[in-house]
Amino acid sequence: ADARRKWADPKVKASVVRTLIDALDNLRPAEVAMVVDRLWAAGPSVGAEGVSVQRLIELAERIEQLERMASRGEADPYELGDEARTVRSRMRMYARDARLYPGVDLPFFDLL
């Protein structure tokens, strides 16, 4: 229920797009938005394991938490940066699941 509520919230989707733009820095922002649009169109339970959108939402929330911690100086900047890189790597993995769904041709997926 919580996953479906978050999936339906446009602010949550915008947060995922914003954080994925950093994670998929080899793609243009419009291409990242197309990836997210494809996943969102497939519903809240997508991907090979049925959790890709849910995981992207959780990971975007974690990135935002790390950003808040960094802005307040609450942790070692190196450790925060290291965790952020790990989280972005996981986001890339879940974003690849957009390949599983029909829609707009996304030739740039070879770059993911």
Foldseek 3Di string as FASTA:
>chain_A
DVLQVLLPDVVLLVLLLVLLCVLPVVDDSVLSNVLSVLVSVVPSQFFPRRHLNVLSSVLSVVLVVLVVCVVVVVDDPVVSVVVSNVSSVVNLVSSLRSVVGDDDDRVCSVVD
